[in-house]
PDB file of N, CA and C in Angstrom:
ATOM      1  N   GLY A   1      85.795 125.305  17.905  1.00  0.00           N
ATOM      2  CA  GLY A   1      84.423 125.327  18.366  1.00  0.00           C
ATOM      3  C   GLY A   1      83.963 123.955  18.794  1.00  0.00           C
ATOM      4  N   LYS A   2      82.671 123.845  18.984  1.00  0.00           N
ATOM      5  CA  LYS A   2      82.104 122.578  19.439  1.00  0.00           C
ATOM      6  C   LYS A   2      81.789 121.631  18.286  1.00  0.00           C
ATOM      7  N   ASP A   3      81.726 122.138  17.046  1.00  0.00           N
ATOM      8  CA  ASP A   3      81.387 121.299  15.899  1.00  0.00           C
ATOM      9  C   ASP A   3      82.643 120.848  15.176  1.00  0.00           C
ATOM     10  N   ARG A   4      82.583 119.620  14.642  1.00  0.00           N
ATOM     11  CA  ARG A   4      83.670 119.064  13.851  1.00  0.00           C
ATOM     12  C   ARG A   4      83.092 118.460  12.599  1.00  0.00           C
ATOM     13  N   ILE A   5      83.790 118.622  11.489  1.00  0.00           N
ATOM     14  CA  ILE A   5      83.380 117.980  10.240  1.00  0.00           C
ATOM     15  C   ILE A   5      84.279 116.774  10.047  1.00  0.00           C
ATOM     16  N   ILE A   6      83.660 115.611   9.837  1.00  0.00           N
ATOM     17  CA  ILE A   6      84.406 114.371   9.635  1.00  0.00           C
ATOM     18  C   ILE A   6      83.935 113.772   8.320  1.00  0.00           C
ATOM     19  N   PHE A   7      84.876 113.495   7.443  1.00  0.00           N
ATOM     20  CA  PHE A   7      84.538 112.860   6.175  1.00  0.00           C
ATOM     21  C   PHE A   7      84.681 111.355   6.330  1.00  0.00           C
ATOM     22  N   ALA A   8      83.664 110.620   5.924  1.00  0.00           N
ATOM     23  CA  ALA A   8      83.682 109.163   6.037  1.00  0.00           C
ATOM     24  C   ALA A   8      83.645 108.558   4.642  1.00  0.00           C
ATOM     25  N   THR A   9      84.376 107.480   4.492  1.00  0.00           N
ATOM     26  CA  THR A   9      84.384 106.768   3.208  1.00  0.00           C
ATOM     27  C   THR A   9      83.349 105.652   3.250  1.00  0.00           C
ATOM     28  N   LYS A  10      83.116 105.052   2.078  1.00  0.00           N
ATOM     29  CA  LYS A  10      82.178 103.929   2.002  1.00  0.00           C
ATOM     30  C   LYS A  10      82.670 102.788   2.894  1.00  0.00           C
ATOM     31  N   GLU A  11      83.986 102.588   2.928  1.00  0.00           N
ATOM     32  CA  GLU A  11      84.564 101.531   3.746  1.00  0.00           C
ATOM     33  C   GLU A  11      84.319 101.797   5.241  1.00  0.00           C
ATOM     34  N   ASP A  12      84.383 103.077   5.628  1.00  0.00           N
ATOM     35  CA  ASP A  12      84.124 103.430   7.029  1.00  0.00           C
ATOM     36  C   ASP A  12      82.733 102.979   7.465  1.00  0.00           C
ATOM     37  N   HIS A  13      81.783 103.004   6.541  1.00  0.00           N
ATOM     38  CA  HIS A  13      80.402 102.654   6.876  1.00  0.00           C
ATOM     39  C   HIS A  13      80.124 101.154   6.828  1.00  0.00           C
ATOM     40  N   GLU A  14      81.057 100.380   6.304  1.00  0.00           N
ATOM     41  CA  GLU A  14      80.838  98.941   6.179  1.00  0.00           C
ATOM     42  C   GLU A  14      81.048  98.202   7.497  1.00  0.00           C
ATOM     43  N   THR A  15      81.820  98.780   8.419  1.00  0.00           N
ATOM     44  CA  THR A  15      82.043  98.119   9.705  1.00  0.00           C
ATOM     45  C   THR A  15      81.093  98.717  10.740  1.00  0.00           C
ATOM     46  N   PRO A  16      80.586  97.883  11.657  1.00  0.00           N
ATOM     47  CA  PRO A  16      79.670  98.399  12.677  1.00  0.00           C
ATOM     48  C   PRO A  16      80.345  99.453  13.560  1.00  0.00           C
ATOM     49  N   SER A  17      79.561 100.378  14.011  1.00  0.00           N
ATOM     50  CA  SER A  17      80.087 101.453  14.858  1.00  0.00           C
ATOM     51  C   SER A  17      80.480 100.918  16.226  1.00  0.00           C
ATOM     52  N   SER A  18      81.561 101.474  16.759  1.00  0.00           N
ATOM     53  CA  SER A  18      81.975 101.093  18.104  1.00  0.00           C
ATOM     54  C   SER A  18      81.763 102.260  19.077  1.00  0.00           C
ATOM     55  N   ALA A  19      80.987 103.243  18.640  1.00  0.00           N
ATOM     56  CA  ALA A  19      80.747 104.424  19.479  1.00  0.00           C
ATOM     57  C   ALA A  19      79.912 104.042  20.698  1.00  0.00           C
ATOM     58  N   GLU A  20      80.281 104.613  21.844  1.00  0.00           N
ATOM     59  CA  GLU A  20      79.512 104.376  23.062  1.00  0.00           C
ATOM     60  C   GLU A  20      78.724 105.638  23.395  1.00  0.00           C
ATOM     61  N   LEU A  21      77.458 105.467  23.688  1.00  0.00           N
ATOM     62  CA  LEU A  21      76.622 106.608  24.055  1.00  0.00           C
ATOM     63  C   LEU A  21      76.809 106.895  25.532  1.00  0.00           C
ATOM     64  N   VAL A  22      77.014 108.164  25.841  1.00  0.00           N
ATOM     65  CA  VAL A  22      77.217 108.587  27.225  1.00  0.00           C
ATOM     66  C   VAL A  22      75.994 109.390  27.644  1.00  0.00           C
ATOM     67  N   ALA A  23      75.474 109.101  28.829  1.00  0.00           N
ATOM     68  CA  ALA A  23      74.306 109.833  29.318  1.00  0.00           C
ATOM     69  C   ALA A  23      74.655 111.309  29.478  1.00  0.00           C
ATOM     70  N   ASP A  24      73.662 112.184  29.216  1.00  0.00           N
ATOM     71  CA  ASP A  24      73.872 113.617  29.383  1.00  0.00           C
ATOM     72  C   ASP A  24      74.174 113.940  30.833  1.00  0.00           C
ATOM     73  N   ASP A  25      75.102 114.842  31.034  1.00  0.00           N
ATOM     74  CA  ASP A  25      75.445 115.299  32.374  1.00  0.00           C
ATOM     75  C   ASP A  25      74.605 116.540  32.670  1.00  0.00           C
ATOM     76  N   PRO A  26      73.655 116.466  33.613  1.00  0.00           N
ATOM     77  CA  PRO A  26      72.802 117.627  33.887  1.00  0.00           C
ATOM     78  C   PRO A  26      73.579 118.820  34.433  1.00  0.00           C
ATOM     79  N   ASP A  27      74.796 118.580  34.920  1.00  0.00           N
ATOM     80  CA  ASP A  27      75.604 119.677  35.443  1.00  0.00           C
ATOM     81  C   ASP A  27      76.537 120.261  34.390  1.00  0.00           C
ATOM     82  N   ASP A  28      76.469 119.748  33.139  1.00  0.00           N
ATOM     83  CA  ASP A  28      77.314 120.270  32.071  1.00  0.00           C
ATOM     84  C   ASP A  28      76.854 121.679  31.734  1.00  0.00           C
ATOM     85  N   PRO A  29      77.713 122.694  31.981  1.00  0.00           N
ATOM     86  CA  PRO A  29      77.286 124.075  31.745  1.00  0.00           C
ATOM     87  C   PRO A  29      77.041 124.385  30.275  1.00  0.00           C
ATOM     88  N   TYR A  30      77.563 123.549  29.374  1.00  0.00           N
ATOM     89  CA  TYR A  30      77.377 123.808  27.949  1.00  0.00           C
ATOM     90  C   TYR A  30      76.149 123.106  27.384  1.00  0.00           C
ATOM     91  N   GLU A  31      75.565 122.229  28.162  1.00  0.00           N
ATOM     92  CA  GLU A  31      74.392 121.498  27.712  1.00  0.00           C
ATOM     93  C   GLU A  31      73.190 122.435  27.696  1.00  0.00           C
ATOM     94  N   GLU A  32      72.399 122.350  26.644  1.00  0.00           N
ATOM     95  CA  GLU A  32      71.196 123.193  26.561  1.00  0.00           C
ATOM     96  C   GLU A  32      70.252 122.806  27.697  1.00  0.00           C
ATOM     97  N   GLN A  33      69.891 123.764  28.503  1.00  0.00           N
ATOM     98  CA  GLN A  33      68.952 123.531  29.593  1.00  0.00           C
ATOM     99  C   GLN A  33      67.782 124.486  29.407  1.00  0.00           C
ATOM    100  N   GLY A  34      66.685 124.178  30.005  1.00  0.00           N
ATOM    101  CA  GLY A  34      65.547 125.076  29.958  1.00  0.00           C
ATOM    102  C   GLY A  34      65.689 126.150  31.026  1.00  0.00           C
ATOM    103  N   LEU A  35      64.603 126.821  31.310  1.00  0.00           N
ATOM    104  CA  LEU A  35      64.607 127.890  32.294  1.00  0.00           C
ATOM    105  C   LEU A  35      64.875 127.365  33.698  1.00  0.00           C
ATOM    106  N   ILE A  36      64.346 126.178  33.998  1.00  0.00           N
ATOM    107  CA  ILE A  36      64.531 125.592  35.323  1.00  0.00           C
ATOM    108  C   ILE A  36      65.442 124.373  35.193  1.00  0.00           C
ATOM    109  N   LEU A  37      66.532 124.389  35.937  1.00  0.00           N
ATOM    110  CA  LEU A  37      67.489 123.285  35.906  1.00  0.00           C
ATOM    111  C   LEU A  37      66.897 122.057  36.596  1.00  0.00           C
ATOM    112  N   PRO A  38      67.455 120.874  36.335  1.00  0.00           N
ATOM    113  CA  PRO A  38      66.924 119.653  36.950  1.00  0.00           C
ATOM    114  C   PRO A  38      66.845 119.729  38.477  1.00  0.00           C
ATOM    115  N   ASN A  39      67.719 120.504  39.111  1.00  0.00           N
ATOM    116  CA  ASN A  39      67.682 120.594  40.577  1.00  0.00           C
ATOM    117  C   ASN A  39      66.675 121.637  41.077  1.00  0.00           C
ATOM    118  N   GLY A  40      65.934 122.279  40.140  1.00  0.00           N
ATOM    119  CA  GLY A  40      64.905 123.246  40.530  1.00  0.00           C
ATOM    120  C   GLY A  40      65.379 124.687  40.562  1.00  0.00           C
ATOM    121  N   ASP A  41      66.700 124.900  40.378  1.00  0.00           N
ATOM    122  CA  ASP A  41      67.231 126.262  40.353  1.00  0.00           C
ATOM    123  C   ASP A  41      66.889 126.943  39.028  1.00  0.00           C
ATOM    124  N   ILE A  42      66.980 128.254  39.021  1.00  0.00           N
ATOM    125  CA  ILE A  42      66.740 129.027  37.806  1.00  0.00           C
ATOM    126  C   ILE A  42      68.022 129.027  36.977  1.00  0.00           C
ATOM    127  N   ASN A  43      67.881 128.771  35.677  1.00  0.00           N
ATOM    128  CA  ASN A  43      69.013 128.798  34.755  1.00  0.00           C
ATOM    129  C   ASN A  43      69.144 130.221  34.203  1.00  0.00           C
ATOM    130  N   TRP A  44      69.996 131.025  34.847  1.00  0.00           N
ATOM    131  CA  TRP A  44      70.144 132.430  34.441  1.00  0.00           C
ATOM    132  C   TRP A  44      70.766 132.572  33.060  1.00  0.00           C
ATOM    133  N   ASN A  45      71.356 131.500  32.524  1.00  0.00           N
ATOM    134  CA  ASN A  45      71.959 131.556  31.191  1.00  0.00           C
ATOM    135  C   ASN A  45      70.999 131.133  30.085  1.00  0.00           C
ATOM    136  N   CYS A  46      69.759 130.836  30.441  1.00  0.00           N
ATOM    137  CA  CYS A  46      68.782 130.397  29.449  1.00  0.00           C
ATOM    138  C   CYS A  46      68.552 131.512  28.425  1.00  0.00           C
ATOM    139  N   PRO A  47      68.678 131.187  27.119  1.00  0.00           N
ATOM    140  CA  PRO A  47      68.418 132.206  26.102  1.00  0.00           C
ATOM    141  C   PRO A  47      66.985 132.734  26.167  1.00  0.00           C
ATOM    142  N   CYS A  48      66.093 131.957  26.789  1.00  0.00           N
ATOM    143  CA  CYS A  48      64.690 132.367  26.886  1.00  0.00           C
ATOM    144  C   CYS A  48      64.513 133.633  27.729  1.00  0.00           C
ATOM    145  N   LEU A  49      65.513 133.986  28.523  1.00  0.00           N
ATOM    146  CA  LEU A  49      65.426 135.204  29.333  1.00  0.00           C
ATOM    147  C   LEU A  49      65.844 136.448  28.548  1.00  0.00           C
ATOM    148  N   GLY A  50      66.314 136.240  27.339  1.00  0.00           N
ATOM    149  CA  GLY A  50      66.656 137.369  26.482  1.00  0.00           C
ATOM    150  C   GLY A  50      67.697 138.305  27.074  1.00  0.00           C
ATOM    151  N   GLY A  51      68.595 137.790  27.894  1.00  0.00           N
ATOM    152  CA  GLY A  51      69.647 138.621  28.463  1.00  0.00           C
ATOM    153  C   GLY A  51      69.215 139.497  29.626  1.00  0.00           C
ATOM    154  N   MET A  52      67.999 139.319  30.096  1.00  0.00           N
ATOM    155  CA  MET A  52      67.491 140.163  31.188  1.00  0.00           C
ATOM    156  C   MET A  52      68.289 139.985  32.476  1.00  0.00           C
ATOM    157  N   ALA A  53      68.908 138.829  32.668  1.00  0.00           N
ATOM    158  CA  ALA A  53      69.637 138.563  33.910  1.00  0.00           C
ATOM    159  C   ALA A  53      70.991 139.259  33.942  1.00  0.00           C
ATOM    160  N   SER A  54      71.409 139.803  32.811  1.00  0.00           N
ATOM    161  CA  SER A  54      72.653 140.575  32.784  1.00  0.00           C
ATOM    162  C   SER A  54      72.288 142.014  32.438  1.00  0.00           C
ATOM    163  N   GLY A  55      73.265 142.870  32.365  1.00  0.00           N
ATOM    164  CA  GLY A  55      72.974 144.265  32.060  1.00  0.00           C
ATOM    165  C   GLY A  55      72.766 145.076  33.321  1.00  0.00           C
ATOM    166  N   PRO A  56      72.433 146.355  33.149  1.00  0.00           N
ATOM    167  CA  PRO A  56      72.376 147.258  34.299  1.00  0.00           C
ATOM    168  C   PRO A  56      71.299 146.918  35.325  1.00  0.00           C
ATOM    169  N   CYS A  57      70.266 146.195  34.922  1.00  0.00           N
ATOM    170  CA  CYS A  57      69.184 145.854  35.862  1.00  0.00           C
ATOM    171  C   CYS A  57      69.121 144.354  36.124  1.00  0.00           C
ATOM    172  N   GLY A  58      70.205 143.658  35.811  1.00  0.00           N
ATOM    173  CA  GLY A  58      70.238 142.206  35.977  1.00  0.00           C
ATOM    174  C   GLY A  58      69.988 141.749  37.398  1.00  0.00           C
ATOM    175  N   GLU A  59      70.590 142.444  38.368  1.00  0.00           N
ATOM    176  CA  GLU A  59      70.406 142.031  39.765  1.00  0.00           C
ATOM    177  C   GLU A  59      68.960 142.239  40.216  1.00  0.00           C
ATOM    178  N   GLN A  60      68.350 143.347  39.793  1.00  0.00           N
ATOM    179  CA  GLN A  60      66.949 143.605  40.155  1.00  0.00           C
ATOM    180  C   GLN A  60      66.036 142.569  39.488  1.00  0.00           C
ATOM    181  N   PHE A  61      66.354 142.212  38.221  1.00  0.00           N
ATOM    182  CA  PHE A  61      65.575 141.202  37.526  1.00  0.00           C
ATOM    183  C   PHE A  61      65.683 139.862  38.236  1.00  0.00           C
ATOM    184  N   LYS A  62      66.920 139.480  38.596  1.00  0.00           N
ATOM    185  CA  LYS A  62      67.126 138.195  39.284  1.00  0.00           C
ATOM    186  C   LYS A  62      66.382 138.158  40.610  1.00  0.00           C
ATOM    187  N   SER A  63      66.423 139.265  41.330  1.00  0.00           N
ATOM    188  CA  SER A  63      65.740 139.326  42.621  1.00  0.00           C
ATOM    189  C   SER A  63      64.235 139.147  42.453  1.00  0.00           C
ATOM    190  N   ALA A  64      63.654 139.872  41.502  1.00  0.00           N
ATOM    191  CA  ALA A  64      62.203 139.799  41.280  1.00  0.00           C
ATOM    192  C   ALA A  64      61.804 138.423  40.751  1.00  0.00           C
ATOM    193  N   PHE A  65      62.566 137.911  39.769  1.00  0.00           N
ATOM    194  CA  PHE A  65      62.226 136.629  39.169  1.00  0.00           C
ATOM    195  C   PHE A  65      62.384 135.499  40.175  1.00  0.00           C
ATOM    196  N   SER A  66      63.452 135.544  40.981  1.00  0.00           N
ATOM    197  CA  SER A  66      63.656 134.522  42.014  1.00  0.00           C
ATOM    198  C   SER A  66      62.512 134.538  43.014  1.00  0.00           C
ATOM    199  N   CYS A  67      62.151 135.744  43.452  1.00  0.00           N
ATOM    200  CA  CYS A  67      61.058 135.874  44.414  1.00  0.00           C
ATOM    201  C   CYS A  67      59.795 135.227  43.849  1.00  0.00           C
ATOM    202  N   PHE A  68      59.482 135.550  42.585  1.00  0.00           N
ATOM    203  CA  PHE A  68      58.280 134.993  41.965  1.00  0.00           C
ATOM    204  C   PHE A  68      58.383 133.480  41.845  1.00  0.00           C
ATOM    205  N   HIS A  69      59.540 132.982  41.376  1.00  0.00           N
ATOM    206  CA  HIS A  69      59.721 131.548  41.154  1.00  0.00           C
ATOM    207  C   HIS A  69      59.537 130.746  42.452  1.00  0.00           C
ATOM    208  N   TYR A  70      60.096 131.274  43.544  1.00  0.00           N
ATOM    209  CA  TYR A  70      60.039 130.542  44.813  1.00  0.00           C
ATOM    210  C   TYR A  70      58.860 130.945  45.686  1.00  0.00           C
ATOM    211  N   SER A  71      58.003 131.846  45.202  1.00  0.00           N
ATOM    212  CA  SER A  71      56.867 132.324  45.987  1.00  0.00           C
ATOM    213  C   SER A  71      55.902 131.181  46.306  1.00  0.00           C
ATOM    214  N   THR A  72      55.464 131.158  47.549  1.00  0.00           N
ATOM    215  CA  THR A  72      54.481 130.137  47.957  1.00  0.00           C
ATOM    216  C   THR A  72      53.148 130.783  48.334  1.00  0.00           C
ATOM    217  N   GLU A  73      53.012 132.072  48.042  1.00  0.00           N
ATOM    218  CA  GLU A  73      51.762 132.763  48.348  1.00  0.00           C
ATOM    219  C   GLU A  73      50.631 132.182  47.499  1.00  0.00           C
ATOM    220  N   GLU A  74      49.399 132.349  47.998  1.00  0.00           N
ATOM    221  CA  GLU A  74      48.249 131.836  47.257  1.00  0.00           C
ATOM    222  C   GLU A  74      48.163 132.520  45.893  1.00  0.00           C
ATOM    223  N   ILE A  75      48.364 133.835  45.863  1.00  0.00           N
ATOM    224  CA  ILE A  75      48.491 134.540  44.589  1.00  0.00           C
ATOM    225  C   ILE A  75      49.991 134.645  44.338  1.00  0.00           C
ATOM    226  N   LYS A  76      50.501 133.711  43.515  1.00  0.00           N
ATOM    227  CA  LYS A  76      51.951 133.580  43.317  1.00  0.00           C
ATOM    228  C   LYS A  76      52.576 134.933  42.988  1.00  0.00           C
ATOM    229  N   GLY A  77      53.623 135.269  43.711  1.00  0.00           N
ATOM    230  CA  GLY A  77      54.351 136.507  43.467  1.00  0.00           C
ATOM    231  C   GLY A  77      53.792 137.729  44.167  1.00  0.00           C
ATOM    232  N   SER A  78      52.698 137.567  44.871  1.00  0.00           N
ATOM    233  CA  SER A  78      52.099 138.736  45.535  1.00  0.00           C
ATOM    234  C   SER A  78      53.007 139.274  46.640  1.00  0.00           C
ATOM    235  N   ASP A  79      53.964 138.477  47.061  1.00  0.00           N
ATOM    236  CA  ASP A  79      54.919 138.913  48.080  1.00  0.00           C
ATOM    237  C   ASP A  79      56.174 139.537  47.448  1.00  0.00           C
ATOM    238  N   CYS A  80      56.135 139.795  46.138  1.00  0.00           N
ATOM    239  CA  CYS A  80      57.323 140.260  45.415  1.00  0.00           C
ATOM    240  C   CYS A  80      57.165 141.665  44.838  1.00  0.00           C
ATOM    241  N   VAL A  81      56.163 142.382  45.284  1.00  0.00           N
ATOM    242  CA  VAL A  81      55.867 143.695  44.707  1.00  0.00           C
ATOM    243  C   VAL A  81      57.068 144.632  44.807  1.00  0.00           C
ATOM    244  N   ASP A  82      57.740 144.652  45.949  1.00  0.00           N
ATOM    245  CA  ASP A  82      58.879 145.561  46.123  1.00  0.00           C
ATOM    246  C   ASP A  82      60.002 145.247  45.138  1.00  0.00           C
ATOM    247  N   GLN A  83      60.269 143.955  44.907  1.00  0.00           N
ATOM    248  CA  GLN A  83      61.334 143.566  43.982  1.00  0.00           C
ATOM    249  C   GLN A  83      60.980 143.965  42.548  1.00  0.00           C
ATOM    250  N   PHE A  84      59.707 143.750  42.157  1.00  0.00           N
ATOM    251  CA  PHE A  84      59.298 144.130  40.809  1.00  0.00           C
ATOM    252  C   PHE A  84      59.296 145.644  40.634  1.00  0.00           C
ATOM    253  N   ARG A  85      58.942 146.374  41.683  1.00  0.00           N
ATOM    254  CA  ARG A  85      58.975 147.833  41.620  1.00  0.00           C
ATOM    255  C   ARG A  85      60.418 148.316  41.425  1.00  0.00           C
ATOM    256  N   ALA A  86      61.362 147.722  42.157  1.00  0.00           N
ATOM    257  CA  ALA A  86      62.771 148.092  42.021  1.00  0.00           C
ATOM    258  C   ALA A  86      63.267 147.794  40.600  1.00  0.00           C
ATOM    259  N   MET A  87      62.851 146.667  40.054  1.00  0.00           N
ATOM    260  CA  MET A  87      63.243 146.312  38.697  1.00  0.00           C
ATOM    261  C   MET A  87      62.672 147.319  37.696  1.00  0.00           C
ATOM    262  N   GLN A  88      61.414 147.662  37.852  1.00  0.00           N
ATOM    263  CA  GLN A  88      60.754 148.624  36.964  1.00  0.00           C
ATOM    264  C   GLN A  88      61.437 149.992  37.043  1.00  0.00           C
ATOM    265  N   GLU A  89      61.756 150.426  38.249  1.00  0.00           N
ATOM    266  CA  GLU A  89      62.419 151.723  38.426  1.00  0.00           C
ATOM    267  C   GLU A  89      63.780 151.721  37.753  1.00  0.00           C
ATOM    268  N   CYS A  90      64.507 150.623  37.868  1.00  0.00           N
ATOM    269  CA  CYS A  90      65.811 150.512  37.220  1.00  0.00           C
ATOM    270  C   CYS A  90      65.642 150.577  35.697  1.00  0.00           C
ATOM    271  N   MET A  91      64.710 149.830  35.170  1.00  0.00           N
ATOM    272  CA  MET A  91      64.517 149.773  33.722  1.00  0.00           C
ATOM    273  C   MET A  91      64.125 151.134  33.141  1.00  0.00           C
ATOM    274  N   GLN A  92      63.398 151.918  33.921  1.00  0.00           N
ATOM    275  CA  GLN A  92      62.995 153.243  33.443  1.00  0.00           C
ATOM    276  C   GLN A  92      64.198 154.176  33.291  1.00  0.00           C
ATOM    277  N   LYS A  93      65.296 153.864  33.964  1.00  0.00           N
ATOM    278  CA  LYS A  93      66.516 154.672  33.837  1.00  0.00           C
ATOM    279  C   LYS A  93      67.260 154.374  32.535  1.00  0.00           C
ATOM    280  N   TYR A  94      66.914 153.271  31.870  1.00  0.00           N
ATOM    281  CA  TYR A  94      67.596 152.845  30.650  1.00  0.00           C
ATOM    282  C   TYR A  94      66.576 152.574  29.535  1.00  0.00           C
ATOM    283  N   PRO A  95      65.885 153.620  29.058  1.00  0.00           N
ATOM    284  CA  PRO A  95      64.814 153.406  28.074  1.00  0.00           C
ATOM    285  C   PRO A  95      65.303 152.825  26.742  1.00  0.00           C
ATOM    286  N   ASP A  96      66.590 153.052  26.403  1.00  0.00           N
ATOM    287  CA  ASP A  96      67.097 152.477  25.157  1.00  0.00           C
ATOM    288  C   ASP A  96      67.261 150.969  25.256  1.00  0.00           C
ATOM    289  N   LEU A  97      67.617 150.484  26.452  1.00  0.00           N
ATOM    290  CA  LEU A  97      67.795 149.044  26.655  1.00  0.00           C
ATOM    291  C   LEU A  97      66.486 148.333  26.961  1.00  0.00           C
ATOM    292  N   TYR A  98      65.597 149.032  27.657  1.00  0.00           N
ATOM    293  CA  TYR A  98      64.326 148.435  28.081  1.00  0.00           C
ATOM    294  C   TYR A  98      63.182 149.338  27.618  1.00  0.00           C
ATOM    295  N   PRO A  99      62.809 149.263  26.323  1.00  0.00           N
ATOM    296  CA  PRO A  99      61.746 150.141  25.833  1.00  0.00           C
ATOM    297  C   PRO A  99      60.434 149.878  26.564  1.00  0.00           C
ATOM    298  N   GLN A 100      59.762 150.961  26.917  1.00  0.00           N
ATOM    299  CA  GLN A 100      58.481 150.854  27.620  1.00  0.00           C
ATOM    300  C   GLN A 100      57.350 150.857  26.598  1.00  0.00           C
ATOM    301  N   GLU A 101      56.381 149.984  26.788  1.00  0.00           N
ATOM    302  CA  GLU A 101      55.197 150.020  25.929  1.00  0.00           C
ATOM    303  C   GLU A 101      54.257 151.066  26.481  1.00  0.00           C
ATOM    304  N   ASP A 102      53.900 152.019  25.625  1.00  0.00           N
ATOM    305  CA  ASP A 102      52.897 152.996  26.050  1.00  0.00           C
ATOM    306  C   ASP A 102      51.714 152.887  25.103  1.00  0.00           C
ATOM    307  N   GLU A 103      50.715 153.753  25.298  1.00  0.00           N
ATOM    308  CA  GLU A 103      49.500 153.662  24.495  1.00  0.00           C
ATOM    309  C   GLU A 103      49.802 153.849  23.014  1.00  0.00           C
ATOM    310  N   ASN A 104      50.762 154.733  22.677  1.00  0.00           N
ATOM    311  CA  ASN A 104      51.101 154.963  21.280  1.00  0.00           C
ATOM    312  C   ASN A 104      51.690 153.711  20.643  1.00  0.00           C
ATOM    313  N   ASP A 105      52.537 152.987  21.375  1.00  0.00           N
ATOM    314  CA  ASP A 105      53.112 151.748  20.850  1.00  0.00           C
ATOM    315  C   ASP A 105      52.019 150.720  20.588  1.00  0.00           C
ATOM    316  N   GLU A 106      51.084 150.604  21.523  1.00  0.00           N
ATOM    317  CA  GLU A 106      49.999 149.644  21.354  1.00  0.00           C
ATOM    318  C   GLU A 106      49.161 150.003  20.141  1.00  0.00           C
ATOM    319  N   LYS A 107      48.898 151.303  19.976  1.00  0.00           N
ATOM    320  CA  LYS A 107      48.096 151.756  18.844  1.00  0.00           C
ATOM    321  C   LYS A 107      48.808 151.435  17.541  1.00  0.00           C
ATOM    322  N   SER A 108      50.108 151.738  17.444  1.00  0.00           N
ATOM    323  CA  SER A 108      50.823 151.497  16.189  1.00  0.00           C
ATOM    324  C   SER A 108      50.903 150.005  15.885  1.00  0.00           C
ATOM    325  N   SER A 109      51.033 149.148  16.897  1.00  0.00           N
ATOM    326  CA  SER A 109      51.084 147.710  16.618  1.00  0.00           C
ATOM    327  C   SER A 109      49.716 147.215  16.160  1.00  0.00           C
ATOM    328  N   LYS A 110      48.631 147.799  16.713  1.00  0.00           N
ATOM    329  CA  LYS A 110      47.291 147.418  16.245  1.00  0.00           C
ATOM    330  C   LYS A 110      47.083 147.883  14.814  1.00  0.00           C
ATOM    331  N   ASP A 111      47.598 149.098  14.478  1.00  0.00           N
ATOM    332  CA  ASP A 111      47.492 149.597  13.110  1.00  0.00           C
ATOM    333  C   ASP A 111      48.226 148.672  12.157  1.00  0.00           C
ATOM    334  N   LEU A 112      49.431 148.227  12.544  1.00  0.00           N
ATOM    335  CA  LEU A 112      50.205 147.316  11.705  1.00  0.00           C
ATOM    336  C   LEU A 112      49.469 145.997  11.515  1.00  0.00           C
ATOM    337  N   GLU A 113      48.892 145.498  12.595  1.00  0.00           N
ATOM    338  CA  GLU A 113      48.156 144.233  12.529  1.00  0.00           C
ATOM    339  C   GLU A 113      46.965 144.358  11.592  1.00  0.00           C
ATOM    340  N   ALA A 114      46.222 145.467  11.697  1.00  0.00           N
ATOM    341  CA  ALA A 114      45.059 145.693  10.837  1.00  0.00           C
ATOM    342  C   ALA A 114      45.490 145.794   9.374  1.00  0.00           C
ATOM    343  N   ALA A 115      46.580 146.526   9.107  1.00  0.00           N
ATOM    344  CA  ALA A 115      47.080 146.671   7.744  1.00  0.00           C
ATOM    345  C   ALA A 115      47.506 145.318   7.184  1.00  0.00           C
ATOM    346  N   SER A 116      48.136 144.510   8.023  1.00  0.00           N
ATOM    347  CA  SER A 116      48.580 143.189   7.604  1.00  0.00           C
ATOM    348  C   SER A 116      47.379 142.308   7.240  1.00  0.00           C
ATOM    349  N   MET A 117      46.337 142.373   8.070  1.00  0.00           N
ATOM    350  CA  MET A 117      45.134 141.569   7.807  1.00  0.00           C
ATOM    351  C   MET A 117      44.464 142.021   6.516  1.00  0.00           C
ATOM    352  N   GLU A 118      44.418 143.354   6.287  1.00  0.00           N
ATOM    353  CA  GLU A 118      43.815 143.871   5.057  1.00  0.00           C
ATOM    354  C   GLU A 118      44.596 143.402   3.839  1.00  0.00           C
ATOM    355  N   ALA A 119      45.930 143.425   3.936  1.00  0.00           N
ATOM    356  CA  ALA A 119      46.777 143.014   2.818  1.00  0.00           C
ATOM    357  C   ALA A 119      46.570 141.537   2.498  1.00  0.00           C
ATOM    358  N   SER A 120      46.483 140.694   3.520  1.00  0.00           N
ATOM    359  CA  SER A 120      46.299 139.260   3.255  1.00  0.00           C
ATOM    360  C   SER A 120      44.907 138.990   2.697  1.00  0.00           C
ATOM    361  N   ALA A 121      43.902 139.756   3.137  1.00  0.00           N
ATOM    362  CA  ALA A 121      42.547 139.599   2.600  1.00  0.00           C
ATOM    363  C   ALA A 121      42.525 140.002   1.123  1.00  0.00           C
ATOM    364  N   ALA A 122      43.243 141.082   0.773  1.00  0.00           N
ATOM    365  CA  ALA A 122      43.307 141.521  -0.620  1.00  0.00           C
ATOM    366  C   ALA A 122      43.992 140.464  -1.486  1.00  0.00           C
ATOM    367  N   LYS A 123      45.046 139.835  -0.980  1.00  0.00           N
ATOM    368  CA  LYS A 123      45.731 138.783  -1.729  1.00  0.00           C
ATOM    369  C   LYS A 123      44.802 137.590  -1.963  1.00  0.00           C
ATOM    370  N   GLU A 124      43.999 137.245  -0.941  1.00  0.00           N
ATOM    371  CA  GLU A 124      43.067 136.134  -1.089  1.00  0.00           C
ATOM    372  C   GLU A 124      42.029 136.437  -2.162  1.00  0.00           C
ATOM    373  N   GLU A 125      41.549 137.712  -2.192  1.00  0.00           N
ATOM    374  CA  GLU A 125      40.564 138.093  -3.207  1.00  0.00           C
ATOM    375  C   GLU A 125      41.167 137.974  -4.597  1.00  0.00           C
ATOM    376  N   GLU A 126      42.435 138.451  -4.759  1.00  0.00           N
ATOM    377  CA  GLU A 126      43.094 138.374  -6.068  1.00  0.00           C
ATOM    378  C   GLU A 126      43.247 136.922  -6.489  1.00  0.00           C
ATOM    379  N   ALA A 127      43.616 136.055  -5.569  1.00  0.00           N
ATOM    380  CA  ALA A 127      43.837 134.654  -5.897  1.00  0.00           C
ATOM    381  C   ALA A 127      42.548 133.954  -6.290  1.00  0.00           C
ATOM    382  N   SER A 128      41.418 134.358  -5.713  1.00  0.00           N
ATOM    383  CA  SER A 128      40.157 133.685  -6.017  1.00  0.00           C
ATOM    384  C   SER A 128      39.497 134.199  -7.272  1.00  0.00           C
ATOM    385  N   SER A 129      39.941 135.340  -7.810  1.00  0.00           N
ATOM    386  CA  SER A 129      39.291 135.865  -9.027  1.00  0.00           C
ATOM    387  C   SER A 129      40.056 135.540 -10.271  1.00  0.00           C
TER     388      SER A 129
END
């Protein structure tokens, strides 16, 4: 792997280090990069995309996301409706991979949030009495 364990003795630490620091290579494919690479391109391997760029709708996602990223319209992405529609249509074919939020999901998450708030309020009351 990329990690190594090195055991150092007390004597090893008594002499000054001769290690040379090397500047990061922005083109190193293993280097952690953000969503946008230094050259302005989209980093499709960014973990922040949650794997959306791969899988059965990866090409549709890349098309829609690229369109939005490079859009110069006044309302950014307004010229990308067709690409986003294609992506949405693809995702609807794979509901197990791309769960859709519907009104029931929103309701259950609000119920969970309310229950959580009630529980923390009850704990605060117990702690203060």
